[in-house]
């Protein structure tokens, strides 16, 4: 992901059939295999935004992303996060985000109505990438020097910029996950988090293909 990030699905609980049975328990009923009625029920739940049955499917991910991406991610509070802490841990290697050429962009418009256009000038692209590298190198050097002086890790880390990569465990039910995908895979989302949202959707597709089919058919709206 991006230049130094990653995302992996490390555990899951449930599938499309569990959604069907979570809905059917209202009538003290259940089924052991997926059939046309079960498929139709998932479509009904999605179309009418009867969302709680989707909460009975849960996924756990390991994510490595830039801190500025994590800050947007952590706003999705109907889920659980545990993040790497540099109060306690000094990474052997500190990774920083440097955009690829096609990700260097210009912002146009007013707050809430931004559009973005790719920078085409090779010298401007190089300028952005080189400046980011210069800042990262200076920050990492200052961080290392303070640690060598015995400065507390929790204080020394403050010089590191939000382009630094962090890592966290994210556990989330499917309802909240679909809402995350709806917002963060949308064309208006920030490009960097959008890449992760697309990857998340790919990782869960094999577990809930019917749900994702109806999610697409109903406009990928939050539920």
C-alpha atoms as a PDB file:
ATOM      1  CA  UNK A   1       0.000   0.000   0.000  1.00  0.00           C
ATOM      2  CA  UNK A   2       1.373   3.399  -1.040  1.00  0.00           C
ATOM      3  CA  UNK A   3       5.173   3.286  -0.805  1.00  0.00           C
ATOM      4  CA  UNK A   4       5.692   1.471   2.527  1.00  0.00           C
ATOM      5  CA  UNK A   5       2.283   0.487   3.873  1.00  0.00           C
ATOM      6  CA  UNK A   6       0.269  -2.705   4.047  1.00  0.00           C
ATOM      7  CA  UNK A   7      -3.060  -4.165   5.082  1.00  0.00           C
ATOM      8  CA  UNK A   8      -3.944  -7.764   5.868  1.00  0.00           C
ATOM      9  CA  UNK A   9      -7.012  -9.598   7.123  1.00  0.00           C
ATOM     10  CA  UNK A  10      -5.833 -11.534  10.169  1.00  0.00           C
ATOM     11  CA  UNK A  11      -9.135 -12.948  11.437  1.00  0.00           C
ATOM     12  CA  UNK A  12     -12.856 -12.993  10.724  1.00  0.00           C
ATOM     13  CA  UNK A  13     -16.101 -14.270  12.172  1.00  0.00           C
ATOM     14  CA  UNK A  14     -19.180 -14.959  10.086  1.00  0.00           C
ATOM     15  CA  UNK A  15     -20.333 -14.753   6.496  1.00  0.00           C
ATOM     16  CA  UNK A  16     -23.457 -14.055   4.439  1.00  0.00           C
ATOM     17  CA  UNK A  17     -25.319 -16.958   6.066  1.00  0.00           C
ATOM     18  CA  UNK A  18     -24.739 -15.498   9.537  1.00  0.00           C
ATOM     19  CA  UNK A  19     -26.444 -12.294   8.383  1.00  0.00           C
ATOM     20  CA  UNK A  20     -29.456 -14.291   7.227  1.00  0.00           C
ATOM     21  CA  UNK A  21     -29.687 -16.137  10.527  1.00  0.00           C
ATOM     22  CA  UNK A  22     -29.266 -12.968  12.574  1.00  0.00           C
ATOM     23  CA  UNK A  23     -32.337 -11.625  10.797  1.00  0.00           C
ATOM     24  CA  UNK A  24     -34.300 -14.885  10.986  1.00  0.00           C
ATOM     25  CA  UNK A  25     -33.895 -15.179  14.765  1.00  0.00           C
ATOM     26  CA  UNK A  26     -36.647 -12.560  15.043  1.00  0.00           C
ATOM     27  CA  UNK A  27     -38.978 -15.390  14.008  1.00  0.00           C
ATOM     28  CA  UNK A  28     -37.130 -18.083  16.004  1.00  0.00           C
ATOM     29  CA  UNK A  29     -35.919 -19.523  12.696  1.00  0.00           C
ATOM     30  CA  UNK A  30     -32.580 -20.358  11.064  1.00  0.00           C
ATOM     31  CA  UNK A  31     -31.133 -22.174   8.073  1.00  0.00           C
ATOM     32  CA  UNK A  32     -27.944 -24.145   7.510  1.00  0.00           C
ATOM     33  CA  UNK A  33     -27.284 -23.378   3.838  1.00  0.00           C
ATOM     34  CA  UNK A  34     -27.661 -20.309   1.672  1.00  0.00           C
ATOM     35  CA  UNK A  35     -30.587 -20.459  -0.751  1.00  0.00           C
ATOM     36  CA  UNK A  36     -32.537 -18.041  -2.927  1.00  0.00           C
ATOM     37  CA  UNK A  37     -34.662 -16.964   0.028  1.00  0.00           C
ATOM     38  CA  UNK A  38     -31.542 -16.145   2.014  1.00  0.00           C
ATOM     39  CA  UNK A  39     -30.094 -14.181  -0.881  1.00  0.00           C
ATOM     40  CA  UNK A  40     -33.348 -12.288  -1.237  1.00  0.00           C
ATOM     41  CA  UNK A  41     -33.387 -11.551   2.485  1.00  0.00           C
ATOM     42  CA  UNK A  42     -29.931  -9.958   2.354  1.00  0.00           C
ATOM     43  CA  UNK A  43     -31.114  -7.829  -0.555  1.00  0.00           C
ATOM     44  CA  UNK A  44     -34.186  -6.768   1.433  1.00  0.00           C
ATOM     45  CA  UNK A  45     -32.095  -5.890   4.490  1.00  0.00           C
ATOM     46  CA  UNK A  46     -29.675  -3.821   2.436  1.00  0.00           C
ATOM     47  CA  UNK A  47     -32.327  -2.032   0.391  1.00  0.00           C
ATOM     48  CA  UNK A  48     -34.392  -1.110   3.451  1.00  0.00           C
ATOM     49  CA  UNK A  49     -31.373  -0.351   5.672  1.00  0.00           C
ATOM     50  CA  UNK A  50     -32.257  -2.957   8.282  1.00  0.00           C
ATOM     51  CA  UNK A  51     -28.666  -2.878   9.395  1.00  0.00           C
ATOM     52  CA  UNK A  52     -28.256  -4.736  12.696  1.00  0.00           C
ATOM     53  CA  UNK A  53     -27.952  -8.267  11.170  1.00  0.00           C
ATOM     54  CA  UNK A  54     -24.786  -7.102   9.408  1.00  0.00           C
ATOM     55  CA  UNK A  55     -23.225  -6.347  12.782  1.00  0.00           C
ATOM     56  CA  UNK A  56     -22.892 -10.085  13.503  1.00  0.00           C
ATOM     57  CA  UNK A  57     -20.064 -10.470  10.994  1.00  0.00           C
ATOM     58  CA  UNK A  58     -16.703  -9.192  12.252  1.00  0.00           C
ATOM     59  CA  UNK A  59     -13.280  -8.665  10.675  1.00  0.00           C
ATOM     60  CA  UNK A  60      -9.863  -8.000  12.188  1.00  0.00           C
ATOM     61  CA  UNK A  61      -7.141  -6.279  10.146  1.00  0.00           C
ATOM     62  CA  UNK A  62      -3.518  -5.324  10.607  1.00  0.00           C
ATOM     63  CA  UNK A  63      -2.876  -1.944   9.008  1.00  0.00           C
ATOM     64  CA  UNK A  64       0.296  -0.001   8.332  1.00  0.00           C
ATOM     65  CA  UNK A  65      -0.404   3.471   6.987  1.00  0.00           C
ATOM     66  CA  UNK A  66       0.766   7.085   7.318  1.00  0.00           C
ATOM     67  CA  UNK A  67      -0.364   8.828  10.508  1.00  0.00           C
ATOM     68  CA  UNK A  68      -2.419  11.352   8.527  1.00  0.00           C
ATOM     69  CA  UNK A  69      -4.364   8.430   7.032  1.00  0.00           C
ATOM     70  CA  UNK A  70      -4.797   6.822  10.461  1.00  0.00           C
ATOM     71  CA  UNK A  71      -6.249  10.062  11.820  1.00  0.00           C
ATOM     72  CA  UNK A  72      -9.050   9.875   9.267  1.00  0.00           C
ATOM     73  CA  UNK A  73      -9.474   6.150   9.883  1.00  0.00           C
ATOM     74  CA  UNK A  74      -9.842   6.558  13.660  1.00  0.00           C
ATOM     75  CA  UNK A  75     -12.847   8.821  13.162  1.00  0.00           C
ATOM     76  CA  UNK A  76     -14.824   5.653  12.385  1.00  0.00           C
ATOM     77  CA  UNK A  77     -15.560   5.020  16.043  1.00  0.00           C
ATOM     78  CA  UNK A  78     -17.937   2.074  15.749  1.00  0.00           C
ATOM     79  CA  UNK A  79     -14.906  -0.189  15.773  1.00  0.00           C
ATOM     80  CA  UNK A  80     -11.868  -0.992  17.915  1.00  0.00           C
ATOM     81  CA  UNK A  81      -8.284   0.165  17.440  1.00  0.00           C
ATOM     82  CA  UNK A  82      -4.982  -0.646  19.111  1.00  0.00           C
ATOM     83  CA  UNK A  83      -2.019   1.283  17.705  1.00  0.00           C
ATOM     84  CA  UNK A  84       1.734   0.874  17.923  1.00  0.00           C
ATOM     85  CA  UNK A  85       2.982   3.195  20.679  1.00  0.00           C
ATOM     86  CA  UNK A  86       6.269   5.026  20.316  1.00  0.00           C
ATOM     87  CA  UNK A  87       6.108   5.819  24.015  1.00  0.00           C
ATOM     88  CA  UNK A  88       7.409   2.281  24.419  1.00  0.00           C
ATOM     89  CA  UNK A  89       8.734   1.163  21.055  1.00  0.00           C
ATOM     90  CA  UNK A  90      11.554   2.496  18.895  1.00  0.00           C
ATOM     91  CA  UNK A  91      11.154   1.107  15.360  1.00  0.00           C
ATOM     92  CA  UNK A  92      14.223  -0.452  13.811  1.00  0.00           C
ATOM     93  CA  UNK A  93      13.347   1.437  10.640  1.00  0.00           C
ATOM     94  CA  UNK A  94      11.009   4.408  10.449  1.00  0.00           C
ATOM     95  CA  UNK A  95       9.074   4.572   7.197  1.00  0.00           C
ATOM     96  CA  UNK A  96       7.671   7.776   5.731  1.00  0.00           C
ATOM     97  CA  UNK A  97       5.150   8.454   2.997  1.00  0.00           C
ATOM     98  CA  UNK A  98       6.460   9.914  -0.248  1.00  0.00           C
ATOM     99  CA  UNK A  99       3.828  10.139  -2.992  1.00  0.00           C
ATOM    100  CA  UNK A 100       4.347   8.565  -6.365  1.00  0.00           C
ATOM    101  CA  UNK A 101       4.494  10.959  -9.301  1.00  0.00           C
ATOM    102  CA  UNK A 102       0.810  10.573 -10.141  1.00  0.00           C
ATOM    103  CA  UNK A 103      -0.228  11.303  -6.540  1.00  0.00           C
ATOM    104  CA  UNK A 104       1.334  14.777  -6.437  1.00  0.00           C
ATOM    105  CA  UNK A 105      -1.684  16.998  -6.889  1.00  0.00           C
ATOM    106  CA  UNK A 106      -2.995  20.537  -6.724  1.00  0.00           C
ATOM    107  CA  UNK A 107      -6.008  21.553  -4.619  1.00  0.00           C
ATOM    108  CA  UNK A 108      -8.564  23.819  -6.246  1.00  0.00           C
ATOM    109  CA  UNK A 109     -11.718  25.347  -4.783  1.00  0.00           C
ATOM    110  CA  UNK A 110     -13.251  26.280  -1.453  1.00  0.00           C
ATOM    111  CA  UNK A 111     -13.528  24.190   1.734  1.00  0.00           C
ATOM    112  CA  UNK A 112     -16.064  21.433   1.194  1.00  0.00           C
ATOM    113  CA  UNK A 113     -15.905  21.868  -2.581  1.00  0.00           C
ATOM    114  CA  UNK A 114     -12.325  20.949  -3.389  1.00  0.00           C
ATOM    115  CA  UNK A 115     -11.232  19.354  -6.596  1.00  0.00           C
ATOM    116  CA  UNK A 116      -7.771  18.002  -7.254  1.00  0.00           C
ATOM    117  CA  UNK A 117      -5.689  17.942 -10.389  1.00  0.00           C
ATOM    118  CA  UNK A 118      -2.526  15.977 -10.953  1.00  0.00           C
ATOM    119  CA  UNK A 119       0.670  18.008 -11.234  1.00  0.00           C
ATOM    120  CA  UNK A 120       2.228  17.353 -14.620  1.00  0.00           C
ATOM    121  CA  UNK A 121       5.421  19.384 -14.319  1.00  0.00           C
ATOM    122  CA  UNK A 122       8.244  16.955 -13.565  1.00  0.00           C
ATOM    123  CA  UNK A 123      10.319  19.596 -11.769  1.00  0.00           C
ATOM    124  CA  UNK A 124       7.416  20.421  -9.411  1.00  0.00           C
ATOM    125  CA  UNK A 125       6.875  16.743  -8.672  1.00  0.00           C
ATOM    126  CA  UNK A 126      10.558  16.288  -7.893  1.00  0.00           C
ATOM    127  CA  UNK A 127      10.515  19.406  -5.697  1.00  0.00           C
ATOM    128  CA  UNK A 128       7.651  18.003  -3.579  1.00  0.00           C
ATOM    129  CA  UNK A 129       9.238  14.585  -3.219  1.00  0.00           C
ATOM    130  CA  UNK A 130      12.681  15.982  -2.383  1.00  0.00           C
ATOM    131  CA  UNK A 131      11.315  18.463   0.173  1.00  0.00           C
ATOM    132  CA  UNK A 132       9.386  15.715   1.912  1.00  0.00           C
ATOM    133  CA  UNK A 133      12.479  13.520   2.014  1.00  0.00           C
ATOM    134  CA  UNK A 134      14.552  16.397   3.416  1.00  0.00           C
ATOM    135  CA  UNK A 135      12.059  17.042   6.219  1.00  0.00           C
ATOM    136  CA  UNK A 136      11.792  13.342   7.056  1.00  0.00           C
ATOM    137  CA  UNK A 137      15.567  12.944   7.248  1.00  0.00           C
ATOM    138  CA  UNK A 138      15.917  15.985   9.504  1.00  0.00           C
ATOM    139  CA  UNK A 139      13.104  14.825  11.789  1.00  0.00           C
ATOM    140  CA  UNK A 140      14.440  11.281  12.065  1.00  0.00           C
ATOM    141  CA  UNK A 141      17.910  12.591  12.825  1.00  0.00           C
ATOM    142  CA  UNK A 142      16.598  14.864  15.597  1.00  0.00           C
ATOM    143  CA  UNK A 143      14.569  11.968  17.026  1.00  0.00           C
ATOM    144  CA  UNK A 144      17.604   9.665  17.095  1.00  0.00           C
ATOM    145  CA  UNK A 145      19.849  12.327  18.658  1.00  0.00           C
ATOM    146  CA  UNK A 146      17.367  12.963  21.453  1.00  0.00           C
ATOM    147  CA  UNK A 147      17.087   9.242  22.195  1.00  0.00           C
ATOM    148  CA  UNK A 148      20.877   9.023  22.376  1.00  0.00           C
ATOM    149  CA  UNK A 149      20.838  11.813  24.977  1.00  0.00           C
ATOM    150  CA  UNK A 150      18.380   9.822  27.050  1.00  0.00           C
ATOM    151  CA  UNK A 151      15.343  11.973  26.293  1.00  0.00           C
ATOM    152  CA  UNK A 152      12.111  10.101  26.991  1.00  0.00           C
ATOM    153  CA  UNK A 153      10.715   8.298  23.973  1.00  0.00           C
ATOM    154  CA  UNK A 154       7.302   9.853  24.556  1.00  0.00           C
ATOM    155  CA  UNK A 155       8.832  13.318  24.146  1.00  0.00           C
ATOM    156  CA  UNK A 156      11.376  12.598  21.412  1.00  0.00           C
ATOM    157  CA  UNK A 157       8.681  11.201  19.122  1.00  0.00           C
ATOM    158  CA  UNK A 158       7.000  14.615  18.955  1.00  0.00           C
ATOM    159  CA  UNK A 159       9.390  15.784  16.219  1.00  0.00           C
ATOM    160  CA  UNK A 160       8.240  13.080  13.791  1.00  0.00           C
ATOM    161  CA  UNK A 161       5.748  14.275  11.137  1.00  0.00           C
ATOM    162  CA  UNK A 162       2.344  12.884  10.203  1.00  0.00           C
ATOM    163  CA  UNK A 163       3.860  11.353   7.061  1.00  0.00           C
ATOM    164  CA  UNK A 164       5.408   8.685   9.299  1.00  0.00           C
ATOM    165  CA  UNK A 165       3.887   5.218   9.039  1.00  0.00           C
ATOM    166  CA  UNK A 166       2.103   3.778  12.063  1.00  0.00           C
ATOM    167  CA  UNK A 167       0.607   0.334  12.634  1.00  0.00           C
ATOM    168  CA  UNK A 168      -2.633  -0.739  14.277  1.00  0.00           C
ATOM    169  CA  UNK A 169      -5.084  -3.578  14.735  1.00  0.00           C
ATOM    170  CA  UNK A 170      -8.612  -2.744  13.568  1.00  0.00           C
ATOM    171  CA  UNK A 171     -11.586  -4.882  14.560  1.00  0.00           C
ATOM    172  CA  UNK A 172     -14.887  -3.884  12.997  1.00  0.00           C
ATOM    173  CA  UNK A 173     -18.330  -5.320  12.350  1.00  0.00           C
ATOM    174  CA  UNK A 174     -19.588  -5.495   8.783  1.00  0.00           C
ATOM    175  CA  UNK A 175     -22.138  -2.715   9.157  1.00  0.00           C
ATOM    176  CA  UNK A 176     -19.465  -0.251  10.264  1.00  0.00           C
ATOM    177  CA  UNK A 177     -17.090  -1.619   7.665  1.00  0.00           C
ATOM    178  CA  UNK A 178     -19.557  -0.987   4.847  1.00  0.00           C
ATOM    179  CA  UNK A 179     -20.003   2.564   6.098  1.00  0.00           C
ATOM    180  CA  UNK A 180     -16.215   2.981   6.073  1.00  0.00           C
ATOM    181  CA  UNK A 181     -16.056   1.672   2.504  1.00  0.00           C
ATOM    182  CA  UNK A 182     -18.969   3.882   1.430  1.00  0.00           C
ATOM    183  CA  UNK A 183     -17.199   7.027   2.622  1.00  0.00           C
ATOM    184  CA  UNK A 184     -13.548   6.226   2.068  1.00  0.00           C
ATOM    185  CA  UNK A 185     -13.684   4.524  -1.329  1.00  0.00           C
ATOM    186  CA  UNK A 186     -15.731   7.380  -2.758  1.00  0.00           C
ATOM    187  CA  UNK A 187     -14.068   9.567  -5.376  1.00  0.00           C
ATOM    188  CA  UNK A 188     -14.247  12.546  -2.984  1.00  0.00           C
ATOM    189  CA  UNK A 189     -12.222  10.787  -0.261  1.00  0.00           C
ATOM    190  CA  UNK A 190      -8.535  11.537   0.137  1.00  0.00           C
ATOM    191  CA  UNK A 191      -6.592   9.499  -2.387  1.00  0.00           C
ATOM    192  CA  UNK A 192      -4.342   7.784   0.145  1.00  0.00           C
ATOM    193  CA  UNK A 193      -7.122   6.427   2.374  1.00  0.00           C
ATOM    194  CA  UNK A 194      -9.165   5.534  -0.703  1.00  0.00           C
ATOM    195  CA  UNK A 195      -6.489   3.030  -1.713  1.00  0.00           C
ATOM    196  CA  UNK A 196      -6.829   1.323   1.660  1.00  0.00           C
ATOM    197  CA  UNK A 197     -10.639   1.292   1.485  1.00  0.00           C
ATOM    198  CA  UNK A 198     -10.513  -0.415  -1.909  1.00  0.00           C
ATOM    199  CA  UNK A 199      -8.093  -2.994  -0.500  1.00  0.00           C
ATOM    200  CA  UNK A 200     -10.364  -3.611   2.509  1.00  0.00           C
ATOM    201  CA  UNK A 201     -13.270  -4.346   0.192  1.00  0.00           C
ATOM    202  CA  UNK A 202     -11.164  -6.780  -1.823  1.00  0.00           C
ATOM    203  CA  UNK A 203     -10.065  -8.594   1.353  1.00  0.00           C
ATOM    204  CA  UNK A 204     -13.614  -9.232   2.614  1.00  0.00           C
ATOM    205  CA  UNK A 205     -15.226 -10.046  -0.743  1.00  0.00           C
ATOM    206  CA  UNK A 206     -14.715 -13.789  -0.426  1.00  0.00           C
ATOM    207  CA  UNK A 207     -16.458 -13.823   2.960  1.00  0.00           C
ATOM    208  CA  UNK A 208     -19.558 -11.773   2.096  1.00  0.00           C
ATOM    209  CA  UNK A 209     -19.929 -11.755  -1.704  1.00  0.00           C
ATOM    210  CA  UNK A 210     -23.733 -11.561  -1.612  1.00  0.00           C
ATOM    211  CA  UNK A 211     -23.700  -8.619   0.780  1.00  0.00           C
ATOM    212  CA  UNK A 212     -21.230  -6.746  -1.399  1.00  0.00           C
ATOM    213  CA  UNK A 213     -23.303  -7.478  -4.490  1.00  0.00           C
ATOM    214  CA  UNK A 214     -26.346  -5.802  -2.936  1.00  0.00           C
ATOM    215  CA  UNK A 215     -24.167  -3.040  -1.471  1.00  0.00           C
ATOM    216  CA  UNK A 216     -23.165  -2.185  -5.051  1.00  0.00           C
ATOM    217  CA  UNK A 217     -26.705  -2.519  -6.398  1.00  0.00           C
ATOM    218  CA  UNK A 218     -28.145  -0.162  -3.766  1.00  0.00           C
ATOM    219  CA  UNK A 219     -25.652   2.608  -4.491  1.00  0.00           C
ATOM    220  CA  UNK A 220     -22.960   1.819  -1.918  1.00  0.00           C
ATOM    221  CA  UNK A 221     -24.758   3.944   0.659  1.00  0.00           C
ATOM    222  CA  UNK A 222     -24.204   3.886   4.417  1.00  0.00           C
ATOM    223  CA  UNK A 223     -26.584   1.640   6.318  1.00  0.00           C
END
